[in-house]
Amino acid sequence: FLHYYLSPRRCVENLIKAAQLQGADIGMNRVMQMPGKVWSINQLIAAMTNVAGSGPARLIRWDPQPEIKRIVTGWRWDIHADKAERLGLKADLSFEDNIRYYLEDDRP
């Protein structure tokens, strides 16, 4: 499965930036998609392993979850954040960054 991601750190940075934008720059339609990236579960686990080593990946259980599969199969992945990007909002450059931000900001 693919998933669209934006780290909490980058999300907060984007919200602050968006709050400082002028209304005229945003336009009449104030709705915009936050920039993010699409990664597969395998890419997410590889990124986690690159940053945190193999220990966390060994905790993953690969049990099928048909109900979850049914839900996410209907999600769209052709998400575009052109307006937000034009206004200076940013996506994470890599999922490795997302993992690093978690370790720096949120790790218990």
PDB file of N, CA and C in Angstrom:
ATOM      1  N   PHE A   1       0.830  -1.190   0.000  1.00  0.00           N
ATOM      2  CA  PHE A   1       0.000   0.000   0.000  1.00  0.00           C
ATOM      3  C   PHE A   1       0.868   1.244   0.000  1.00  0.00           C
ATOM      4  N   LEU A   2       0.347   2.254  -0.586  1.00  0.00           N
ATOM      5  CA  LEU A   2       0.997   3.559  -0.550  1.00  0.00           C
ATOM      6  C   LEU A   2       0.342   4.402   0.537  1.00  0.00           C
ATOM      7  N   HIS A   3       1.096   5.338   1.068  1.00  0.00           N
ATOM      8  CA  HIS A   3       0.572   6.274   2.064  1.00  0.00           C
ATOM      9  C   HIS A   3       1.150   7.656   1.793  1.00  0.00           C
ATOM     10  N   TYR A   4       0.326   8.672   2.006  1.00  0.00           N
ATOM     11  CA  TYR A   4       0.723  10.073   1.837  1.00  0.00           C
ATOM     12  C   TYR A   4       1.151  10.585   3.202  1.00  0.00           C
ATOM     13  N   TYR A   5       2.368  11.090   3.298  1.00  0.00           N
ATOM     14  CA  TYR A   5       2.914  11.484   4.594  1.00  0.00           C
ATOM     15  C   TYR A   5       3.445  12.910   4.609  1.00  0.00           C
ATOM     16  N   LEU A   6       3.303  13.513   5.762  1.00  0.00           N
ATOM     17  CA  LEU A   6       3.948  14.773   6.097  1.00  0.00           C
ATOM     18  C   LEU A   6       4.259  14.685   7.591  1.00  0.00           C
ATOM     19  N   SER A   7       5.496  14.929   7.951  1.00  0.00           N
ATOM     20  CA  SER A   7       5.872  14.812   9.366  1.00  0.00           C
ATOM     21  C   SER A   7       5.137  15.862  10.197  1.00  0.00           C
ATOM     22  N   PRO A   8       4.886  15.566  11.474  1.00  0.00           N
ATOM     23  CA  PRO A   8       4.280  16.575  12.345  1.00  0.00           C
ATOM     24  C   PRO A   8       5.092  17.870  12.378  1.00  0.00           C
ATOM     25  N   ARG A   9       6.420  17.769  12.381  1.00  0.00           N
ATOM     26  CA  ARG A   9       7.251  18.974  12.413  1.00  0.00           C
ATOM     27  C   ARG A   9       6.985  19.842  11.189  1.00  0.00           C
ATOM     28  N   ARG A  10       7.007  19.238  10.022  1.00  0.00           N
ATOM     29  CA  ARG A  10       6.802  19.998   8.787  1.00  0.00           C
ATOM     30  C   ARG A  10       5.363  20.511   8.715  1.00  0.00           C
ATOM     31  N   CYS A  11       4.419  19.744   9.233  1.00  0.00           N
ATOM     32  CA  CYS A  11       3.022  20.179   9.247  1.00  0.00           C
ATOM     33  C   CYS A  11       2.869  21.457  10.069  1.00  0.00           C
ATOM     34  N   VAL A  12       3.466  21.483  11.255  1.00  0.00           N
ATOM     35  CA  VAL A  12       3.395  22.678  12.107  1.00  0.00           C
ATOM     36  C   VAL A  12       4.081  23.857  11.424  1.00  0.00           C
ATOM     37  N   GLU A  13       5.251  23.624  10.833  1.00  0.00           N
ATOM     38  CA  GLU A  13       5.940  24.701  10.105  1.00  0.00           C
ATOM     39  C   GLU A  13       5.041  25.256   9.001  1.00  0.00           C
ATOM     40  N   ASN A  14       4.362  24.356   8.271  1.00  0.00           N
ATOM     41  CA  ASN A  14       3.485  24.799   7.192  1.00  0.00           C
ATOM     42  C   ASN A  14       2.276  25.565   7.716  1.00  0.00           C
ATOM     43  N   LEU A  15       1.712  25.116   8.832  1.00  0.00           N
ATOM     44  CA  LEU A  15       0.567  25.827   9.407  1.00  0.00           C
ATOM     45  C   LEU A  15       0.958  27.234   9.840  1.00  0.00           C
ATOM     46  N   ILE A  16       2.124  27.371  10.448  1.00  0.00           N
ATOM     47  CA  ILE A  16       2.597  28.701  10.852  1.00  0.00           C
ATOM     48  C   ILE A  16       2.808  29.570   9.622  1.00  0.00           C
ATOM     49  N   LYS A  17       3.451  29.020   8.606  1.00  0.00           N
ATOM     50  CA  LYS A  17       3.681  29.772   7.365  1.00  0.00           C
ATOM     51  C   LYS A  17       2.348  30.178   6.738  1.00  0.00           C
ATOM     52  N   ALA A  18       1.394  29.245   6.686  1.00  0.00           N
ATOM     53  CA  ALA A  18       0.091  29.537   6.080  1.00  0.00           C
ATOM     54  C   ALA A  18      -0.643  30.632   6.851  1.00  0.00           C
ATOM     55  N   ALA A  19      -0.518  30.635   8.174  1.00  0.00           N
ATOM     56  CA  ALA A  19      -1.182  31.656   8.990  1.00  0.00           C
ATOM     57  C   ALA A  19      -0.615  33.044   8.731  1.00  0.00           C
ATOM     58  N   GLN A  20       0.599  33.115   8.225  1.00  0.00           N
ATOM     59  CA  GLN A  20       1.249  34.399   7.963  1.00  0.00           C
ATOM     60  C   GLN A  20       1.040  34.890   6.532  1.00  0.00           C
ATOM     61  N   LEU A  21       0.388  34.077   5.701  1.00  0.00           N
ATOM     62  CA  LEU A  21       0.154  34.476   4.310  1.00  0.00           C
ATOM     63  C   LEU A  21      -0.914  35.557   4.236  1.00  0.00           C
ATOM     64  N   GLN A  22      -0.820  36.379   3.235  1.00  0.00           N
ATOM     65  CA  GLN A  22      -1.837  37.386   2.968  1.00  0.00           C
ATOM     66  C   GLN A  22      -3.017  36.727   2.254  1.00  0.00           C
ATOM     67  N   GLY A  23      -4.216  37.141   2.608  1.00  0.00           N
ATOM     68  CA  GLY A  23      -5.412  36.585   1.989  1.00  0.00           C
ATOM     69  C   GLY A  23      -5.395  36.678   0.478  1.00  0.00           C
ATOM     70  N   ALA A  24      -4.900  37.781  -0.044  1.00  0.00           N
ATOM     71  CA  ALA A  24      -4.852  37.962  -1.500  1.00  0.00           C
ATOM     72  C   ALA A  24      -3.948  36.922  -2.155  1.00  0.00           C
ATOM     73  N   ASP A  25      -2.902  36.501  -1.450  1.00  0.00           N
ATOM     74  CA  ASP A  25      -2.006  35.485  -2.006  1.00  0.00           C
ATOM     75  C   ASP A  25      -2.667  34.113  -2.053  1.00  0.00           C
ATOM     76  N   ILE A  26      -3.538  33.854  -1.081  1.00  0.00           N
ATOM     77  CA  ILE A  26      -4.223  32.560  -1.027  1.00  0.00           C
ATOM     78  C   ILE A  26      -5.340  32.512  -2.059  1.00  0.00           C
ATOM     79  N   GLY A  27      -6.049  33.614  -2.223  1.00  0.00           N
ATOM     80  CA  GLY A  27      -7.149  33.660  -3.179  1.00  0.00           C
ATOM     81  C   GLY A  27      -8.487  33.391  -2.512  1.00  0.00           C
ATOM     82  N   MET A  28      -9.535  33.401  -3.326  1.00  0.00           N
ATOM     83  CA  MET A  28     -10.897  33.218  -2.812  1.00  0.00           C
ATOM     84  C   MET A  28     -11.103  31.823  -2.229  1.00  0.00           C
ATOM     85  N   ASN A  29     -10.517  30.821  -2.854  1.00  0.00           N
ATOM     86  CA  ASN A  29     -10.626  29.456  -2.350  1.00  0.00           C
ATOM     87  C   ASN A  29      -9.494  29.233  -1.350  1.00  0.00           C
ATOM     88  N   ARG A  30      -9.836  29.160  -0.072  1.00  0.00           N
ATOM     89  CA  ARG A  30      -8.833  29.053   0.991  1.00  0.00           C
ATOM     90  C   ARG A  30      -8.400  27.609   1.252  1.00  0.00           C
ATOM     91  N   VAL A  31      -8.956  26.675   0.515  1.00  0.00           N
ATOM     92  CA  VAL A  31      -8.627  25.262   0.717  1.00  0.00           C
ATOM     93  C   VAL A  31      -7.365  24.912  -0.055  1.00  0.00           C
ATOM     94  N   MET A  32      -6.462  24.187   0.593  1.00  0.00           N
ATOM     95  CA  MET A  32      -5.285  23.684  -0.115  1.00  0.00           C
ATOM     96  C   MET A  32      -4.808  22.406   0.556  1.00  0.00           C
ATOM     97  N   GLN A  33      -4.219  21.554  -0.230  1.00  0.00           N
ATOM     98  CA  GLN A  33      -3.644  20.302   0.261  1.00  0.00           C
ATOM     99  C   GLN A  33      -2.240  20.572   0.776  1.00  0.00           C
ATOM    100  N   MET A  34      -1.949  20.109   1.976  1.00  0.00           N
ATOM    101  CA  MET A  34      -0.583  20.228   2.492  1.00  0.00           C
ATOM    102  C   MET A  34       0.347  19.407   1.607  1.00  0.00           C
ATOM    103  N   PRO A  35       1.523  19.921   1.317  1.00  0.00           N
ATOM    104  CA  PRO A  35       2.483  19.125   0.553  1.00  0.00           C
ATOM    105  C   PRO A  35       2.906  17.898   1.361  1.00  0.00           C
ATOM    106  N   GLY A  36       3.070  16.815   0.688  1.00  0.00           N
ATOM    107  CA  GLY A  36       3.524  15.578   1.312  1.00  0.00           C
ATOM    108  C   GLY A  36       4.157  14.703   0.255  1.00  0.00           C
ATOM    109  N   LYS A  37       4.509  13.521   0.635  1.00  0.00           N
ATOM    110  CA  LYS A  37       5.092  12.547  -0.288  1.00  0.00           C
ATOM    111  C   LYS A  37       4.367  11.225  -0.105  1.00  0.00           C
ATOM    112  N   VAL A  38       4.372  10.438  -1.168  1.00  0.00           N
ATOM    113  CA  VAL A  38       3.761   9.114  -1.136  1.00  0.00           C
ATOM    114  C   VAL A  38       4.869   8.071  -1.069  1.00  0.00           C
ATOM    115  N   TRP A  39       4.774   7.192  -0.064  1.00  0.00           N
ATOM    116  CA  TRP A  39       5.737   6.102   0.078  1.00  0.00           C
ATOM    117  C   TRP A  39       4.993   4.805   0.342  1.00  0.00           C
ATOM    118  N   SER A  40       5.608   3.707  -0.066  1.00  0.00           N
ATOM    119  CA  SER A  40       5.062   2.381   0.229  1.00  0.00           C
ATOM    120  C   SER A  40       5.489   1.966   1.638  1.00  0.00           C
ATOM    121  N   ILE A  41       4.805   0.979   2.170  1.00  0.00           N
ATOM    122  CA  ILE A  41       5.163   0.463   3.493  1.00  0.00           C
ATOM    123  C   ILE A  41       6.607  -0.034   3.486  1.00  0.00           C
ATOM    124  N   ASN A  42       7.012  -0.725   2.426  1.00  0.00           N
ATOM    125  CA  ASN A  42       8.396  -1.210   2.352  1.00  0.00           C
ATOM    126  C   ASN A  42       9.391  -0.054   2.378  1.00  0.00           C
ATOM    127  N   GLN A  43       9.076   1.050   1.702  1.00  0.00           N
ATOM    128  CA  GLN A  43       9.957   2.220   1.728  1.00  0.00           C
ATOM    129  C   GLN A  43      10.011   2.832   3.127  1.00  0.00           C
ATOM    130  N   LEU A  44       8.879   2.843   3.822  1.00  0.00           N
ATOM    131  CA  LEU A  44       8.843   3.386   5.182  1.00  0.00           C
ATOM    132  C   LEU A  44       9.712   2.556   6.119  1.00  0.00           C
ATOM    133  N   ILE A  45       9.608   1.249   5.999  1.00  0.00           N
ATOM    134  CA  ILE A  45      10.393   0.369   6.868  1.00  0.00           C
ATOM    135  C   ILE A  45      11.877   0.477   6.535  1.00  0.00           C
ATOM    136  N   ALA A  46      12.207   0.580   5.257  1.00  0.00           N
ATOM    137  CA  ALA A  46      13.615   0.758   4.866  1.00  0.00           C
ATOM    138  C   ALA A  46      14.162   2.059   5.441  1.00  0.00           C
ATOM    139  N   ALA A  47      13.368   3.132   5.393  1.00  0.00           N
ATOM    140  CA  ALA A  47      13.800   4.420   5.948  1.00  0.00           C
ATOM    141  C   ALA A  47      14.007   4.309   7.451  1.00  0.00           C
ATOM    142  N   MET A  48      13.072   3.657   8.128  1.00  0.00           N
ATOM    143  CA  MET A  48      13.196   3.481   9.575  1.00  0.00           C
ATOM    144  C   MET A  48      14.461   2.691   9.905  1.00  0.00           C
ATOM    145  N   THR A  49      14.725   1.642   9.136  1.00  0.00           N
ATOM    146  CA  THR A  49      15.910   0.819   9.370  1.00  0.00           C
ATOM    147  C   THR A  49      17.186   1.610   9.099  1.00  0.00           C
ATOM    148  N   ASN A  50      17.176   2.435   8.052  1.00  0.00           N
ATOM    149  CA  ASN A  50      18.349   3.268   7.746  1.00  0.00           C
ATOM    150  C   ASN A  50      18.682   4.214   8.888  1.00  0.00           C
ATOM    151  N   VAL A  51      17.659   4.734   9.544  1.00  0.00           N
ATOM    152  CA  VAL A  51      17.873   5.732  10.600  1.00  0.00           C
ATOM    153  C   VAL A  51      18.042   5.085  11.973  1.00  0.00           C
ATOM    154  N   ALA A  52      17.204   4.103  12.283  1.00  0.00           N
ATOM    155  CA  ALA A  52      17.140   3.575  13.650  1.00  0.00           C
ATOM    156  C   ALA A  52      17.704   2.167  13.802  1.00  0.00           C
ATOM    157  N   GLY A  53      18.210   1.588  12.730  1.00  0.00           N
ATOM    158  CA  GLY A  53      18.715   0.223  12.804  1.00  0.00           C
ATOM    159  C   GLY A  53      17.602  -0.795  12.621  1.00  0.00           C
ATOM    160  N   SER A  54      17.950  -2.063  12.700  1.00  0.00           N
ATOM    161  CA  SER A  54      16.985  -3.126  12.396  1.00  0.00           C
ATOM    162  C   SER A  54      16.074  -3.479  13.569  1.00  0.00           C
ATOM    163  N   GLY A  55      16.388  -3.021  14.769  1.00  0.00           N
ATOM    164  CA  GLY A  55      15.586  -3.362  15.946  1.00  0.00           C
ATOM    165  C   GLY A  55      14.107  -3.036  15.816  1.00  0.00           C
ATOM    166  N   PRO A  56      13.743  -1.806  15.494  1.00  0.00           N
ATOM    167  CA  PRO A  56      12.318  -1.477  15.392  1.00  0.00           C
ATOM    168  C   PRO A  56      11.576  -2.301  14.339  1.00  0.00           C
ATOM    169  N   ALA A  57      12.215  -2.597  13.228  1.00  0.00           N
ATOM    170  CA  ALA A  57      11.549  -3.361  12.168  1.00  0.00           C
ATOM    171  C   ALA A  57      11.219  -4.777  12.631  1.00  0.00           C
ATOM    172  N   ARG A  58      11.995  -5.304  13.553  1.00  0.00           N
ATOM    173  CA  ARG A  58      11.717  -6.659  14.057  1.00  0.00           C
ATOM    174  C   ARG A  58      10.435  -6.704  14.888  1.00  0.00           C
ATOM    175  N   LEU A  59       9.942  -5.563  15.310  1.00  0.00           N
ATOM    176  CA  LEU A  59       8.704  -5.512  16.095  1.00  0.00           C
ATOM    177  C   LEU A  59       7.451  -5.540  15.222  1.00  0.00           C
ATOM    178  N   ILE A  60       7.613  -5.401  13.924  1.00  0.00           N
ATOM    179  CA  ILE A  60       6.469  -5.335  13.008  1.00  0.00           C
ATOM    180  C   ILE A  60       5.885  -6.723  12.805  1.00  0.00           C
ATOM    181  N   ARG A  61       4.576  -6.815  12.922  1.00  0.00           N
ATOM    182  CA  ARG A  61       3.852  -8.057  12.626  1.00  0.00           C
ATOM    183  C   ARG A  61       3.186  -7.893  11.275  1.00  0.00           C
ATOM    184  N   TRP A  62       3.395  -8.844  10.404  1.00  0.00           N
ATOM    185  CA  TRP A  62       2.875  -8.774   9.037  1.00  0.00           C
ATOM    186  C   TRP A  62       1.576  -9.553   8.905  1.00  0.00           C
ATOM    187  N   ASP A  63       0.681  -9.398   9.872  1.00  0.00           N
ATOM    188  CA  ASP A  63      -0.604 -10.086   9.825  1.00  0.00           C
ATOM    189  C   ASP A  63      -1.542  -9.349   8.875  1.00  0.00           C
ATOM    190  N   PRO A  64      -2.196 -10.079   7.969  1.00  0.00           N
ATOM    191  CA  PRO A  64      -3.166  -9.428   7.077  1.00  0.00           C
ATOM    192  C   PRO A  64      -4.304  -8.801   7.897  1.00  0.00           C
ATOM    193  N   GLN A  65      -4.737  -7.634   7.469  1.00  0.00           N
ATOM    194  CA  GLN A  65      -5.858  -6.953   8.111  1.00  0.00           C
ATOM    195  C   GLN A  65      -6.847  -6.555   7.015  1.00  0.00           C
ATOM    196  N   PRO A  66      -7.750  -7.469   6.649  1.00  0.00           N
ATOM    197  CA  PRO A  66      -8.662  -7.228   5.524  1.00  0.00           C
ATOM    198  C   PRO A  66      -9.484  -5.945   5.658  1.00  0.00           C
ATOM    199  N   GLU A  67      -9.913  -5.606   6.865  1.00  0.00           N
ATOM    200  CA  GLU A  67     -10.727  -4.390   7.044  1.00  0.00           C
ATOM    201  C   GLU A  67      -9.909  -3.138   6.725  1.00  0.00           C
ATOM    202  N   ILE A  68      -8.665  -3.113   7.180  1.00  0.00           N
ATOM    203  CA  ILE A  68      -7.789  -1.976   6.872  1.00  0.00           C
ATOM    204  C   ILE A  68      -7.509  -1.934   5.374  1.00  0.00           C
ATOM    205  N   LYS A  69      -7.235  -3.077   4.786  1.00  0.00           N
ATOM    206  CA  LYS A  69      -6.980  -3.136   3.343  1.00  0.00           C
ATOM    207  C   LYS A  69      -8.174  -2.591   2.566  1.00  0.00           C
ATOM    208  N   ARG A  70      -9.388  -2.964   2.993  1.00  0.00           N
ATOM    209  CA  ARG A  70     -10.596  -2.491   2.313  1.00  0.00           C
ATOM    210  C   ARG A  70     -10.688  -0.964   2.380  1.00  0.00           C
ATOM    211  N   ILE A  71     -10.338  -0.390   3.511  1.00  0.00           N
ATOM    212  CA  ILE A  71     -10.413   1.063   3.681  1.00  0.00           C
ATOM    213  C   ILE A  71      -9.384   1.762   2.804  1.00  0.00           C
ATOM    214  N   VAL A  72      -8.125   1.360   2.900  1.00  0.00           N
ATOM    215  CA  VAL A  72      -7.069   2.101   2.206  1.00  0.00           C
ATOM    216  C   VAL A  72      -7.041   1.844   0.708  1.00  0.00           C
ATOM    217  N   THR A  73      -7.636   0.740   0.268  1.00  0.00           N
ATOM    218  CA  THR A  73      -7.680   0.469  -1.170  1.00  0.00           C
ATOM    219  C   THR A  73      -8.460   1.559  -1.901  1.00  0.00           C
ATOM    220  N   GLY A  74      -9.398   2.185  -1.235  1.00  0.00           N
ATOM    221  CA  GLY A  74     -10.198   3.233  -1.862  1.00  0.00           C
ATOM    222  C   GLY A  74      -9.587   4.622  -1.804  1.00  0.00           C
ATOM    223  N   TRP A  75      -8.476   4.769  -1.125  1.00  0.00           N
ATOM    224  CA  TRP A  75      -7.847   6.083  -1.013  1.00  0.00           C
ATOM    225  C   TRP A  75      -7.155   6.467  -2.306  1.00  0.00           C
ATOM    226  N   ARG A  76      -7.136   7.738  -2.590  1.00  0.00           N
ATOM    227  CA  ARG A  76      -6.451   8.258  -3.784  1.00  0.00           C
ATOM    228  C   ARG A  76      -5.022   8.636  -3.428  1.00  0.00           C
ATOM    229  N   TRP A  77      -4.132   8.412  -4.382  1.00  0.00           N
ATOM    230  CA  TRP A  77      -2.722   8.741  -4.169  1.00  0.00           C
ATOM    231  C   TRP A  77      -2.227   9.790  -5.150  1.00  0.00           C
ATOM    232  N   ASP A  78      -3.084  10.204  -6.056  1.00  0.00           N
ATOM    233  CA  ASP A  78      -2.691  11.240  -7.024  1.00  0.00           C
ATOM    234  C   ASP A  78      -3.003  12.617  -6.437  1.00  0.00           C
ATOM    235  N   ILE A  79      -2.425  12.878  -5.291  1.00  0.00           N
ATOM    236  CA  ILE A  79      -2.674  14.105  -4.537  1.00  0.00           C
ATOM    237  C   ILE A  79      -1.704  15.184  -5.010  1.00  0.00           C
ATOM    238  N   HIS A  80      -2.243  16.367  -5.225  1.00  0.00           N
ATOM    239  CA  HIS A  80      -1.415  17.474  -5.699  1.00  0.00           C
ATOM    240  C   HIS A  80      -1.525  18.645  -4.720  1.00  0.00           C
ATOM    241  N   ALA A  81      -0.397  19.211  -4.401  1.00  0.00           N
ATOM    242  CA  ALA A  81      -0.351  20.338  -3.465  1.00  0.00           C
ATOM    243  C   ALA A  81       0.260  21.555  -4.150  1.00  0.00           C
ATOM    244  N   ASP A  82      -0.050  21.726  -5.434  1.00  0.00           N
ATOM    245  CA  ASP A  82       0.566  22.801  -6.221  1.00  0.00           C
ATOM    246  C   ASP A  82       0.370  24.178  -5.584  1.00  0.00           C
ATOM    247  N   LYS A  83      -0.847  24.458  -5.143  1.00  0.00           N
ATOM    248  CA  LYS A  83      -1.134  25.777  -4.567  1.00  0.00           C
ATOM    249  C   LYS A  83      -0.289  26.012  -3.314  1.00  0.00           C
ATOM    250  N   ALA A  84      -0.270  25.037  -2.425  1.00  0.00           N
ATOM    251  CA  ALA A  84       0.503  25.176  -1.186  1.00  0.00           C
ATOM    252  C   ALA A  84       1.992  25.320  -1.483  1.00  0.00           C
ATOM    253  N   GLU A  85       2.483  24.554  -2.437  1.00  0.00           N
ATOM    254  CA  GLU A  85       3.906  24.648  -2.787  1.00  0.00           C
ATOM    255  C   GLU A  85       4.231  26.017  -3.379  1.00  0.00           C
ATOM    256  N   ARG A  86       3.323  26.545  -4.205  1.00  0.00           N
ATOM    257  CA  ARG A  86       3.517  27.896  -4.762  1.00  0.00           C
ATOM    258  C   ARG A  86       3.595  28.940  -3.656  1.00  0.00           C
ATOM    259  N   LEU A  87       2.876  28.685  -2.570  1.00  0.00           N
ATOM    260  CA  LEU A  87       2.841  29.624  -1.447  1.00  0.00           C
ATOM    261  C   LEU A  87       3.985  29.396  -0.455  1.00  0.00           C
ATOM    262  N   GLY A  88       4.858  28.447  -0.759  1.00  0.00           N
ATOM    263  CA  GLY A  88       6.043  28.242   0.061  1.00  0.00           C
ATOM    264  C   GLY A  88       5.953  27.136   1.096  1.00  0.00           C
ATOM    265  N   LEU A  89       4.846  26.407   1.137  1.00  0.00           N
ATOM    266  CA  LEU A  89       4.746  25.285   2.056  1.00  0.00           C
ATOM    267  C   LEU A  89       5.555  24.126   1.491  1.00  0.00           C
ATOM    268  N   LYS A  90       6.078  23.273   2.364  1.00  0.00           N
ATOM    269  CA  LYS A  90       7.023  22.246   1.926  1.00  0.00           C
ATOM    270  C   LYS A  90       6.659  20.861   2.449  1.00  0.00           C
ATOM    271  N   ALA A  91       7.068  19.868   1.669  1.00  0.00           N
ATOM    272  CA  ALA A  91       6.978  18.464   2.085  1.00  0.00           C
ATOM    273  C   ALA A  91       8.314  18.056   2.691  1.00  0.00           C
ATOM    274  N   ASP A  92       8.318  16.947   3.395  1.00  0.00           N
ATOM    275  CA  ASP A  92       9.583  16.369   3.849  1.00  0.00           C
ATOM    276  C   ASP A  92      10.354  15.908   2.618  1.00  0.00           C
ATOM    277  N   LEU A  93      11.666  16.015   2.665  1.00  0.00           N
ATOM    278  CA  LEU A  93      12.477  15.579   1.530  1.00  0.00           C
ATOM    279  C   LEU A  93      12.572  14.065   1.453  1.00  0.00           C
ATOM    280  N   SER A  94      12.507  13.406   2.603  1.00  0.00           N
ATOM    281  CA  SER A  94      12.605  11.948   2.633  1.00  0.00           C
ATOM    282  C   SER A  94      11.862  11.432   3.852  1.00  0.00           C
ATOM    283  N   PHE A  95      11.535  10.151   3.847  1.00  0.00           N
ATOM    284  CA  PHE A  95      10.918   9.606   5.049  1.00  0.00           C
ATOM    285  C   PHE A  95      11.957   9.418   6.145  1.00  0.00           C
ATOM    286  N   GLU A  96      13.225   9.316   5.765  1.00  0.00           N
ATOM    287  CA  GLU A  96      14.281   9.304   6.774  1.00  0.00           C
ATOM    288  C   GLU A  96      14.216  10.578   7.621  1.00  0.00           C
ATOM    289  N   ASP A  97      13.951  11.715   6.969  1.00  0.00           N
ATOM    290  CA  ASP A  97      13.774  12.966   7.718  1.00  0.00           C
ATOM    291  C   ASP A  97      12.619  12.841   8.702  1.00  0.00           C
ATOM    292  N   ASN A  98      11.521  12.250   8.262  1.00  0.00           N
ATOM    293  CA  ASN A  98      10.358  12.074   9.114  1.00  0.00           C
ATOM    294  C   ASN A  98      10.731  11.273  10.360  1.00  0.00           C
ATOM    295  N   ILE A  99      11.495  10.208  10.187  1.00  0.00           N
ATOM    296  CA  ILE A  99      11.938   9.388  11.322  1.00  0.00           C
ATOM    297  C   ILE A  99      12.852  10.203  12.241  1.00  0.00           C
ATOM    298  N   ARG A 100      13.786  10.932  11.656  1.00  0.00           N
ATOM    299  CA  ARG A 100      14.700  11.756  12.468  1.00  0.00           C
ATOM    300  C   ARG A 100      13.924  12.793  13.279  1.00  0.00           C
ATOM    301  N   TYR A 101      12.949  13.436  12.642  1.00  0.00           N
ATOM    302  CA  TYR A 101      12.147  14.434  13.353  1.00  0.00           C
ATOM    303  C   TYR A 101      11.417  13.788  14.532  1.00  0.00           C
ATOM    304  N   TYR A 102      10.879  12.589  14.313  1.00  0.00           N
ATOM    305  CA  TYR A 102      10.204  11.894  15.412  1.00  0.00           C
ATOM    306  C   TYR A 102      11.183  11.660  16.563  1.00  0.00           C
ATOM    307  N   LEU A 103      12.358  11.158  16.242  1.00  0.00           N
ATOM    308  CA  LEU A 103      13.343  10.876  17.287  1.00  0.00           C
ATOM    309  C   LEU A 103      13.750  12.148  18.027  1.00  0.00           C
ATOM    310  N   GLU A 104      13.842  13.261  17.324  1.00  0.00           N
ATOM    311  CA  GLU A 104      14.237  14.531  17.943  1.00  0.00           C
ATOM    312  C   GLU A 104      13.101  15.197  18.715  1.00  0.00           C
ATOM    313  N   ASP A 105      11.884  15.103  18.195  1.00  0.00           N
ATOM    314  CA  ASP A 105      10.777  15.895  18.731  1.00  0.00           C
ATOM    315  C   ASP A 105       9.804  15.126  19.623  1.00  0.00           C
ATOM    316  N   ASP A 106       9.573  13.865  19.329  1.00  0.00           N
ATOM    317  CA  ASP A 106       8.442  13.165  19.938  1.00  0.00           C
ATOM    318  C   ASP A 106       8.781  11.883  20.676  1.00  0.00           C
ATOM    319  N   ARG A 107       9.979  11.416  20.541  1.00  0.00           N
ATOM    320  CA  ARG A 107      10.335  10.135  21.150  1.00  0.00           C
ATOM    321  C   ARG A 107      10.148  10.209  22.659  1.00  0.00           C
ATOM    322  N   PRO A 108       9.445   9.215  23.227  1.00  0.00           N
ATOM    323  CA  PRO A 108       9.231   9.224  24.683  1.00  0.00           C
ATOM    324  C   PRO A 108      10.525   9.021  25.449  1.00  0.00           C
TER     325      PRO A 108
END
